[in-house]
Protein backbone atom coordinates (compact mmCIF):
# COMPACT_ATOMS: atom_id res chain seq x y z
CA MET A 1 0.00 0.00 0.00
CA ASP A 2 1.42 3.39 -0.99
CA LYS A 3 2.01 5.89 1.82
CA ILE A 4 1.16 9.59 1.66
CA LEU A 5 2.40 12.01 4.29
CA LEU A 6 -0.11 14.71 5.25
CA ILE A 7 1.40 17.67 7.07
CA HIS A 8 -0.65 20.39 8.75
CA GLY A 9 1.38 23.43 9.78
CA PRO A 10 1.12 25.89 12.66
CA ASN A 11 -2.21 26.81 14.25
CA LEU A 12 -4.19 24.36 12.14
CA ASN A 13 -4.88 22.48 15.38
CA LEU A 14 -7.14 25.45 16.17
CA LEU A 15 -9.41 25.00 13.15
CA GLY A 16 -13.07 25.32 14.03
CA GLN A 17 -12.18 27.81 16.77
CA ARG A 18 -10.12 30.50 15.06
CA GLU A 19 -11.11 33.05 12.43
CA LYS A 20 -14.14 31.09 11.27
CA GLY A 21 -14.85 33.66 8.56
CA ILE A 22 -11.56 32.74 6.90
CA TYR A 23 -11.04 29.09 7.85
CA GLY A 24 -14.58 27.83 8.46
CA GLU A 25 -15.99 25.76 11.28
CA THR A 26 -14.59 22.36 10.34
CA THR A 27 -12.07 21.03 12.84
CA LEU A 28 -8.74 19.47 11.97
CA GLU A 29 -10.01 16.13 13.28
CA GLU A 30 -12.95 16.31 10.86
CA ILE A 31 -10.63 17.09 7.95
CA ASN A 32 -8.37 14.18 8.90
CA GLU A 33 -11.30 11.76 9.14
CA LYS A 34 -12.57 12.81 5.72
CA LEU A 35 -9.13 12.37 4.16
CA LYS A 36 -8.56 9.02 5.88
CA SER A 37 -11.83 7.79 4.41
CA ILE A 38 -10.81 8.87 0.91
CA ALA A 39 -7.37 7.29 1.34
CA LYS A 40 -8.92 4.02 2.48
CA ASP A 41 -11.26 3.98 -0.53
CA LYS A 42 -8.28 4.61 -2.83
CA ASN A 43 -6.17 1.94 -1.08
CA VAL A 44 -3.44 4.29 0.17
CA GLU A 45 -2.13 4.83 3.68
CA LEU A 46 -2.28 8.35 5.06
CA LEU A 47 0.26 9.31 7.74
CA ILE A 48 -0.73 12.56 9.46
CA LEU A 49 1.30 15.15 11.36
CA GLN A 50 0.23 18.52 12.71
CA SER A 51 2.98 20.64 14.14
CA ASN A 52 3.51 24.21 15.21
CA HIS A 53 7.27 23.62 15.06
CA GLU A 54 9.23 24.18 11.87
CA GLY A 55 12.04 21.81 12.82
CA GLU A 56 9.64 18.93 13.45
CA ILE A 57 8.10 19.46 10.01
CA VAL A 58 11.56 19.56 8.42
CA ASP A 59 12.56 16.37 10.25
CA ILE A 60 9.54 14.37 9.12
CA ILE A 61 9.96 15.51 5.51
CA GLY A 62 13.64 14.54 5.70
CA GLN A 63 12.69 11.02 6.86
CA SER A 64 10.17 10.53 4.04
CA LYS A 65 12.37 8.41 1.79
CA LYS A 66 13.42 6.18 4.70
CA ASN A 67 9.75 5.78 5.64
CA ASP A 68 8.81 4.85 2.06
CA ILE A 69 6.58 7.90 1.56
CA LYS A 70 5.44 8.18 -2.06
CA ALA A 71 4.05 11.74 -1.87
CA ILE A 72 3.50 14.66 0.49
CA LEU A 73 0.32 16.69 0.94
CA ILE A 74 1.15 19.82 2.91
CA ASN A 75 -0.60 22.85 4.30
CA PRO A 76 2.42 24.75 5.58
CA ALA A 77 0.12 27.49 6.94
CA ALA A 78 2.16 30.56 7.99
CA TYR A 79 5.39 28.73 7.11
CA THR A 80 4.28 28.99 3.46
CA HIS A 81 5.60 32.53 3.40
CA THR A 82 8.62 32.24 5.67
CA SER A 83 10.22 28.80 5.70
CA VAL A 84 13.21 28.28 3.49
CA ALA A 85 13.94 25.21 5.64
CA ILE A 86 10.65 23.47 4.73
CA ARG A 87 11.10 24.48 1.09
CA ASP A 88 14.61 23.03 1.06
CA ALA A 89 13.48 19.81 2.79
CA ILE A 90 10.82 19.23 0.13
CA ALA A 91 13.35 19.88 -2.63
CA ALA A 92 15.91 17.61 -0.99
CA VAL A 93 13.74 14.50 -0.70
CA ASN A 94 12.59 14.72 -4.33
CA ILE A 95 9.13 13.30 -3.53
CA PRO A 96 6.08 14.83 -5.24
CA ALA A 97 4.41 17.38 -2.97
CA VAL A 98 1.12 19.24 -3.31
CA GLU A 99 0.60 22.42 -1.29
CA VAL A 100 -2.92 23.17 -0.06
CA HIS A 101 -4.61 26.07 1.72
CA LEU A 102 -8.12 26.48 3.04
CA SER A 103 -8.24 30.17 2.11
CA ASN A 104 -7.19 31.85 -1.12
CA ILE A 105 -3.80 33.16 -0.04
CA TYR A 106 -3.71 35.47 -3.09
CA SER A 107 -6.84 37.36 -2.03
CA ARG A 108 -5.52 38.07 1.44
CA GLU A 109 -2.76 40.31 2.84
CA ASP A 110 0.13 41.05 0.49
CA PHE A 111 2.64 39.10 2.58
CA ARG A 112 0.60 35.94 1.97
CA HIS A 113 0.91 36.25 -1.82
CA THR A 114 4.36 34.68 -1.84
CA SER A 115 4.73 30.95 -1.30
CA LEU A 116 8.25 29.67 -0.76
CA ILE A 117 6.86 26.14 -1.08
CA ALA A 118 5.10 26.47 -4.46
CA PRO A 119 8.29 26.45 -6.58
CA VAL A 120 9.25 23.00 -5.24
CA ALA A 121 5.71 21.58 -5.14
CA TYR A 122 4.11 19.68 -7.98
CA GLY A 123 1.09 21.95 -7.59
CA GLN A 124 -0.87 24.21 -5.27
CA ILE A 125 -4.58 24.33 -4.44
CA SER A 126 -6.03 27.16 -2.39
CA GLY A 127 -9.29 28.87 -1.62
CA PHE A 128 -11.71 25.95 -1.57
CA GLY A 129 -11.90 25.39 2.18
CA VAL A 130 -11.83 21.72 3.16
CA GLU A 131 -12.25 20.83 -0.51
CA SER A 132 -8.67 22.12 -1.09
CA TYR A 133 -7.45 19.14 0.94
CA VAL A 134 -9.74 16.73 -0.91
CA LEU A 135 -8.62 18.03 -4.31
CA GLY A 136 -5.00 17.90 -3.18
CA LEU A 137 -5.28 14.33 -1.92
CA ASN A 138 -6.95 13.18 -5.13
CA ALA A 139 -4.28 14.95 -7.18
CA ILE A 140 -1.44 13.34 -5.23
CA ILE A 141 -3.03 9.88 -5.50
CA SER A 142 -3.31 10.39 -9.25
CA LEU A 143 0.39 11.34 -9.40
CA ILE A 144 1.35 8.18 -7.52
CA GLU A 145 -0.74 6.01 -9.85
CA LYS A 146 1.04 7.51 -12.89
CA GLN A 147 4.51 6.78 -11.49
């Protein structure tokens, strides 16, 4: 069974509580359950990490090859715009990655318009709420099937 690593970045553990007008009312647990169900139906294993710590995210990406991860689905959250370390980790492991965001980062504050992750990701999906994750997971599964 192919393994996909799902990474949720900082403050996503607060979904359903914070800035509901931007991020909605769905909790992270609800998103994870929905994605696990899709993964099960598609016969892939989904390994999930949420971390508020950049180094922990970098470490798990760096271990991806050793852990036989076939693809990475990542919502780097605020690290999208600031983390050269996460960008470099994704580039270093040479595993297809899809970046997702609940909100449309390009319709928000100017500082959010730059993604350091996008240039090393296979693609980016933003602005569709929870559906961004669903679209991203389906895209990454399709990439794995083509390899």
